[in-house]
Amino acid sequence: MRWRLAAVAVTLALTAAACGTTTGAVTDRQEPTGGAPSPAGAKEVTELPAANRDDSCDPTASLRPAGPPPAPRAFPGGSTMAAIVARGKLVVGVDQNTLQFGFRDPRTGNINGFDVDMAREIAAALFGDRNAIQLRVLTSSQRIPALKAGDVDIVVQTMTINCERLKDVDFSSVYYLADQQILVRADSGYTGVDSLAGKKVCASEGSTSLAKIVNQDVEPKLIGMQVAGWTDCLVMLQQNQVDAVSTDNTILAGLAAQDPTTKVLPGSLGQEPYGMAMPKGQDDFVRFVNSVLERMRGDGTWTRLYDQWVAGLLGAGTQPVPRYRD
């Protein structure tokens, strides 16, 4: 599947997702010199805490599964799983504009992708029905608040695991390992981070990508441009309002597929391990989700879903090896 222009996504008014939650000082964006309006809410970032610098925990070690998942609907009374089954649907926070991971198909209006089908496997293990699921579209900055408020049971949305985030939510074992990279116009001449010194680089509000951009060790510093969603970044790149976009290669590959006049630069700014996020205090649910992920690794489901959704964008993939703590 190849979308020709990011304008298609913008016309559909896609809202965004990214890979984390950050806070920091921002200033209002000035009107671009070319006369084209900036996306609503676009701001230049002046400073942000460095991403993933908290090493007070072992972030990718999740709770060990208690064993194979039980039969659907056969959960102990009082368990988190029994409560979800009693409600009738698994409520999942997802993205709708990350091509092949969580995106709204313009032909059907349905939200599909690798992350969505991973969530459907959790629903199938709970209910015996992969369609016993309610999808709620969240932006990056909405994900943790939605979990803490109980608005969703789980978030499956290209979400990076780190120690800072683990103070607010719990994560499954790593189900996908991404890399942060850079997208530029193909004819720009940019070759990497050093060549972008002093230039404007776009990322989604609430993403760890934005913090990593602002804290790159180059002089003059990169100027972060904060927007609501990744399609806004692509439009700003097309309108020469920013020089580059930087986030996970999973997202950038989708943007490049929408606009073949762009390209993803080689090299990684760092790995981004994705986990399924759940509210604090639901250890039984975390162990259950990890048991479903173990089953998916063993029976070929992970590989089947990866080949269906992701291989065409990013090539062959390898399942991450889980790490556990008791």
Protein backbone atom coordinates (compact mmCIF):
# COMPACT_ATOMS: atom_id res chain seq x y z
CA MET A 1 0.00 0.00 0.00
CA ARG A 2 1.45 3.35 -0.99
CA TRP A 3 -0.21 6.71 -0.34
CA ARG A 4 1.00 9.44 -2.66
CA LEU A 5 0.67 12.60 -0.59
CA ALA A 6 0.48 13.54 3.06
CA ALA A 7 -2.31 15.89 2.02
CA VAL A 8 -4.54 12.82 1.80
CA ALA A 9 -3.96 12.15 5.46
CA VAL A 10 -4.50 15.79 6.38
CA THR A 11 -7.74 15.96 4.42
CA LEU A 12 -8.96 13.05 6.52
CA ALA A 13 -8.08 15.15 9.60
CA LEU A 14 -5.94 12.48 11.14
CA THR A 15 -4.83 13.19 14.67
CA ALA A 16 -1.52 11.98 15.93
CA ALA A 17 0.41 9.57 18.01
CA ALA A 18 4.03 9.28 18.95
CA CYS A 19 6.11 7.55 21.51
CA GLY A 20 6.03 9.12 24.94
CA THR A 21 5.26 11.94 27.32
CA THR A 22 7.53 14.93 27.91
CA THR A 23 7.14 18.40 29.31
CA GLY A 24 9.14 21.60 28.83
CA ALA A 25 9.16 25.23 27.78
CA VAL A 26 7.82 26.23 24.36
CA THR A 27 7.27 29.50 22.55
CA ASP A 28 4.64 30.44 19.99
CA ARG A 29 5.57 29.65 16.39
CA GLN A 30 6.10 32.68 14.12
CA GLU A 31 4.24 32.81 10.82
CA PRO A 32 6.30 31.16 8.05
CA THR A 33 7.92 33.43 5.50
CA GLY A 34 6.27 31.65 2.58
CA GLY A 35 2.79 32.74 3.67
CA ALA A 36 1.40 29.22 4.22
CA PRO A 37 -0.17 28.87 7.68
CA SER A 38 1.45 26.64 10.26
CA PRO A 39 -0.64 23.75 11.58
CA ALA A 40 -2.79 24.66 14.57
CA GLY A 41 -0.78 24.57 17.79
CA ALA A 42 2.66 24.42 16.13
CA LYS A 43 5.32 25.74 18.52
CA GLU A 44 9.09 26.00 18.66
CA VAL A 45 10.59 24.13 21.61
CA THR A 46 13.18 25.98 23.70
CA GLU A 47 14.04 23.20 26.16
CA LEU A 48 12.94 19.76 27.31
CA PRO A 49 14.32 17.22 29.78
CA ALA A 50 16.62 14.75 28.05
CA ALA A 51 14.78 11.66 26.87
CA ASN A 52 15.45 8.26 28.45
CA ARG A 53 18.12 9.56 30.83
CA ASP A 54 16.49 8.03 33.90
CA ASP A 55 18.35 4.76 34.48
CA SER A 56 16.88 4.03 37.92
CA CYS A 57 15.19 0.86 36.68
CA ASP A 58 15.58 -1.95 34.16
CA PRO A 59 12.84 -0.67 31.84
CA THR A 60 12.39 -3.60 29.48
CA ALA A 61 12.11 -6.28 32.20
CA SER A 62 8.40 -6.97 32.66
CA LEU A 63 6.51 -9.28 35.01
CA ARG A 64 6.93 -12.96 34.26
CA PRO A 65 3.84 -14.77 32.91
CA ALA A 66 2.21 -17.11 35.41
CA GLY A 67 1.93 -19.75 32.67
CA PRO A 68 0.02 -20.21 29.42
CA PRO A 69 -3.08 -18.01 29.16
CA PRO A 70 -6.24 -19.68 30.50
CA ALA A 71 -9.21 -20.40 28.28
CA PRO A 72 -11.14 -17.26 27.22
CA ARG A 73 -13.62 -16.03 29.87
CA ALA A 74 -12.20 -18.52 32.42
CA PHE A 75 -10.70 -15.99 34.83
CA PRO A 76 -10.74 -15.90 38.63
CA GLY A 77 -13.37 -13.70 40.22
CA GLY A 78 -11.94 -10.35 41.26
CA SER A 79 -9.20 -10.42 38.61
CA THR A 80 -8.63 -7.55 36.18
CA MET A 81 -9.39 -9.92 33.31
CA ALA A 82 -12.72 -10.97 34.79
CA ALA A 83 -13.72 -7.32 35.20
CA ILE A 84 -12.91 -6.58 31.56
CA VAL A 85 -14.86 -9.63 30.38
CA ALA A 86 -17.85 -8.62 32.51
CA ARG A 87 -17.88 -5.22 30.79
CA GLY A 88 -18.00 -6.89 27.38
CA LYS A 89 -15.18 -5.15 25.48
CA LEU A 90 -11.43 -4.58 25.75
CA VAL A 91 -10.93 -0.80 25.48
CA VAL A 92 -7.67 -0.04 23.69
CA GLY A 93 -5.87 3.26 23.08
CA VAL A 94 -4.48 3.34 19.53
CA ASP A 95 -3.11 5.63 16.85
CA GLN A 96 -4.86 6.44 13.59
CA ASN A 97 -2.12 7.95 11.42
CA THR A 98 0.91 5.67 11.68
CA LEU A 99 0.77 3.77 8.40
CA GLN A 100 0.67 -0.02 8.86
CA PHE A 101 0.78 0.23 12.67
CA GLY A 102 -2.37 2.14 13.55
CA PHE A 103 -4.01 4.02 10.66
CA ARG A 104 -7.48 4.86 9.43
CA ASP A 105 -8.07 3.26 6.04
CA PRO A 106 -9.57 6.03 3.85
CA ARG A 107 -11.53 3.45 1.84
CA THR A 108 -13.37 1.92 4.79
CA GLY A 109 -12.91 4.34 7.69
CA ASN A 110 -11.65 1.44 9.82
CA ILE A 111 -8.52 1.64 11.97
CA ASN A 112 -6.12 -1.15 11.04
CA GLY A 113 -2.48 -2.11 11.44
CA PHE A 114 0.08 -4.18 13.32
CA ASP A 115 -0.60 -2.56 16.70
CA VAL A 116 -4.36 -2.92 16.22
CA ASP A 117 -4.07 -6.61 15.38
CA MET A 118 -1.74 -7.16 18.34
CA ALA A 119 -4.48 -5.68 20.53
CA ARG A 120 -7.06 -7.92 18.87
CA GLU A 121 -5.01 -10.94 19.95
CA ILE A 122 -5.36 -9.79 23.56
CA ALA A 123 -9.13 -9.44 23.04
CA ALA A 124 -9.30 -12.93 21.55
CA ALA A 125 -7.49 -14.38 24.57
CA LEU A 126 -9.94 -12.61 26.91
CA PHE A 127 -13.22 -13.22 25.09
CA GLY A 128 -12.58 -15.84 22.42
CA ASP A 129 -13.48 -13.08 19.96
CA ARG A 130 -10.88 -10.78 18.41
CA ASN A 131 -13.64 -8.28 17.62
CA ALA A 132 -14.61 -7.83 21.28
CA ILE A 133 -12.65 -4.61 21.26
CA GLN A 134 -13.31 -0.87 21.41
CA LEU A 135 -10.66 1.38 19.88
CA ARG A 136 -10.06 4.87 21.25
CA VAL A 137 -7.79 7.18 19.27
CA LEU A 138 -5.28 8.98 21.49
CA THR A 139 -2.52 11.48 20.84
CA SER A 140 0.88 10.85 22.40
CA SER A 141 0.23 13.21 25.29
CA GLN A 142 -3.17 11.63 26.01
CA ARG A 143 -2.00 8.06 26.50
CA ILE A 144 -0.80 8.04 30.09
CA PRO A 145 -3.63 10.30 31.34
CA ALA A 146 -6.16 7.98 29.68
CA LEU A 147 -4.69 4.96 31.46
CA LYS A 148 -4.55 6.72 34.83
CA ALA A 149 -8.16 7.87 34.47
CA GLY A 150 -9.36 4.38 33.57
CA ASP A 151 -10.60 5.49 30.15
CA VAL A 152 -8.76 2.62 28.45
CA ASP A 153 -7.65 -0.83 29.62
CA ILE A 154 -4.45 -0.89 27.59
CA VAL A 155 -2.52 1.26 25.11
CA VAL A 156 -0.97 -0.39 22.05
CA GLN A 157 0.45 2.56 20.14
CA THR A 158 4.16 2.54 19.22
CA MET A 159 4.84 3.47 22.85
CA THR A 160 8.41 3.42 24.12
CA ILE A 161 9.18 1.85 27.50
CA ASN A 162 11.39 3.89 29.82
CA CYS A 163 11.91 4.39 33.55
CA GLU A 164 10.20 7.78 33.66
CA ARG A 165 7.04 6.38 32.14
CA LEU A 166 7.11 3.34 34.43
CA LYS A 167 6.44 5.68 37.36
CA ASP A 168 2.92 6.19 35.98
CA VAL A 169 2.03 2.99 34.10
CA ASP A 170 3.20 -0.61 33.72
CA PHE A 171 4.35 -2.25 30.51
CA SER A 172 4.30 -5.65 28.90
CA SER A 173 7.46 -7.24 27.63
CA VAL A 174 8.88 -5.61 24.50
CA TYR A 175 6.82 -6.58 21.45
CA TYR A 176 8.66 -4.42 18.89
CA LEU A 177 12.04 -2.71 18.72
CA ALA A 178 12.22 0.51 16.67
CA ASP A 179 14.94 3.08 15.97
CA GLN A 180 14.63 6.87 15.94
CA GLN A 181 15.75 8.25 12.59
CA ILE A 182 15.39 11.39 10.44
CA LEU A 183 13.19 12.14 7.42
CA VAL A 184 14.19 14.89 4.96
CA ARG A 185 13.31 16.03 1.46
CA ALA A 186 15.18 13.75 -0.94
CA ASP A 187 16.88 16.69 -2.67
CA SER A 188 17.81 18.54 0.55
CA GLY A 189 21.44 17.44 0.75
CA TYR A 190 21.16 16.63 4.47
CA THR A 191 23.09 13.54 5.53
CA GLY A 192 22.49 13.25 9.27
CA VAL A 193 22.21 15.06 12.59
CA ASP A 194 25.42 17.06 12.20
CA SER A 195 24.33 18.49 8.86
CA LEU A 196 21.08 19.71 10.47
CA ALA A 197 22.80 21.80 13.18
CA GLY A 198 20.78 24.96 13.79
CA LYS A 199 17.89 23.72 11.62
CA LYS A 200 14.22 23.12 12.47
CA VAL A 201 13.30 19.49 13.11
CA CYS A 202 9.66 18.51 13.67
CA ALA A 203 8.20 15.99 16.11
CA SER A 204 4.86 15.29 17.77
CA GLU A 205 3.90 16.91 21.06
CA GLY A 206 4.38 14.56 23.98
CA SER A 207 6.91 12.35 22.20
CA THR A 208 10.28 11.20 23.46
CA SER A 209 11.44 11.97 19.92
CA LEU A 210 11.02 15.69 20.55
CA ALA A 211 13.14 15.58 23.70
CA LYS A 212 15.87 13.66 21.90
CA ILE A 213 15.94 16.25 19.10
CA VAL A 214 16.33 19.19 21.49
CA ASN A 215 19.12 17.44 23.40
CA GLN A 216 21.27 16.32 20.47
CA ASP A 217 24.95 17.09 21.01
CA VAL A 218 25.44 19.43 18.03
CA GLU A 219 26.19 23.14 17.73
CA PRO A 220 24.26 25.20 17.00
CA LYS A 221 21.46 23.21 18.63
CA LEU A 222 18.65 21.70 16.62
CA ILE A 223 15.41 23.70 16.88
CA GLY A 224 12.50 21.47 17.82
CA MET A 225 9.14 22.14 16.19
CA GLN A 226 6.28 20.70 18.21
CA VAL A 227 2.99 19.81 16.46
CA ALA A 228 -0.10 17.80 17.30
CA GLY A 229 0.50 14.96 14.87
CA TRP A 230 2.98 13.39 12.49
CA THR A 231 1.05 14.32 9.35
CA ASP A 232 1.42 17.96 10.46
CA CYS A 233 5.19 17.41 10.45
CA LEU A 234 5.08 16.07 6.91
CA VAL A 235 3.03 19.02 5.67
CA MET A 236 5.47 21.46 7.30
CA LEU A 237 8.35 19.64 5.61
CA GLN A 238 6.56 19.89 2.25
CA GLN A 239 5.96 23.62 2.83
CA ASN A 240 9.62 24.25 3.75
CA GLN A 241 8.60 25.31 7.27
CA VAL A 242 10.92 22.69 8.81
CA ASP A 243 14.05 21.04 7.50
CA ALA A 244 13.45 17.52 8.81
CA VAL A 245 11.16 15.23 10.81
CA SER A 246 12.56 12.89 13.43
CA THR A 247 10.86 10.01 15.21
CA ASP A 248 10.73 6.22 15.16
CA ASN A 249 11.48 4.53 11.84
CA THR A 250 8.07 2.84 12.07
CA ILE A 251 6.39 6.24 11.71
CA LEU A 252 8.89 7.73 9.26
CA ALA A 253 8.54 4.80 6.87
CA GLY A 254 4.84 5.50 6.66
CA LEU A 255 5.41 9.20 6.02
CA ALA A 256 7.93 8.41 3.29
CA ALA A 257 5.42 6.04 1.69
CA GLN A 258 2.91 8.90 1.57
CA ASP A 259 5.39 11.26 -0.09
CA PRO A 260 8.04 9.71 -2.37
CA THR A 261 9.90 13.05 -2.59
CA THR A 262 11.18 12.40 0.95
CA LYS A 263 13.66 9.89 2.29
CA VAL A 264 14.73 8.42 5.64
CA LEU A 265 18.40 9.04 6.43
CA PRO A 266 20.57 6.10 7.51
CA GLY A 267 21.73 5.88 11.09
CA SER A 268 19.91 5.67 14.40
CA LEU A 269 19.48 8.25 17.16
CA GLY A 270 18.71 5.41 19.55
CA GLN A 271 16.53 2.33 19.96
CA GLU A 272 12.89 2.60 21.02
CA PRO A 273 11.49 -0.58 22.68
CA TYR A 274 7.69 -0.73 22.38
CA GLY A 275 5.50 -2.17 25.10
CA MET A 276 1.78 -2.42 25.74
CA ALA A 277 0.98 0.02 28.55
CA MET A 278 -1.45 -0.76 31.37
CA PRO A 279 -2.55 1.03 34.57
CA LYS A 280 -0.45 0.67 37.69
CA GLY A 281 -1.59 -1.93 40.19
CA GLN A 282 -2.85 -4.51 37.66
CA ASP A 283 -0.04 -7.03 37.89
CA ASP A 284 -2.39 -9.90 37.01
CA PHE A 285 -3.26 -8.20 33.72
CA VAL A 286 0.39 -7.51 32.90
CA ARG A 287 1.25 -11.18 33.48
CA PHE A 288 -1.73 -12.25 31.38
CA VAL A 289 -0.76 -9.96 28.48
CA ASN A 290 2.80 -11.29 28.66
CA SER A 291 1.48 -14.85 28.49
CA VAL A 292 -0.44 -13.96 25.31
CA LEU A 293 2.70 -12.37 23.81
CA GLU A 294 4.64 -15.56 24.67
CA ARG A 295 2.02 -17.63 22.86
CA MET A 296 2.21 -15.29 19.83
CA ARG A 297 5.99 -15.67 19.68
CA GLY A 298 5.75 -19.45 19.86
CA ASP A 299 2.92 -20.14 17.42
CA GLY A 300 4.01 -17.77 14.65
CA THR A 301 1.30 -15.15 15.17
CA TRP A 302 3.80 -12.31 15.71
CA THR A 303 5.65 -13.19 12.50
CA ARG A 304 2.42 -13.50 10.53
CA LEU A 305 1.21 -10.06 11.66
CA TYR A 306 4.63 -8.49 11.06
CA ASP A 307 4.78 -9.90 7.53
CA GLN A 308 1.23 -8.75 6.84
CA TRP A 309 1.64 -5.16 8.02
CA VAL A 310 5.27 -4.14 8.45
CA ALA A 311 7.62 -6.13 6.23
CA GLY A 312 6.59 -4.17 3.12
CA LEU A 313 7.72 -0.93 4.81
CA LEU A 314 10.71 -1.98 6.89
CA GLY A 315 11.85 -5.34 5.53
CA ALA A 316 12.35 -8.55 7.47
CA GLY A 317 11.81 -8.31 11.22
CA THR A 318 12.95 -10.25 14.27
CA GLN A 319 10.82 -10.81 17.35
CA PRO A 320 12.33 -9.17 20.46
CA VAL A 321 13.46 -11.63 23.10
CA PRO A 322 11.43 -11.00 26.29
CA ARG A 323 13.09 -10.13 29.57
CA TYR A 324 11.32 -10.79 32.87
CA ARG A 325 11.43 -10.06 36.55
CA ASP A 326 9.42 -11.90 39.18
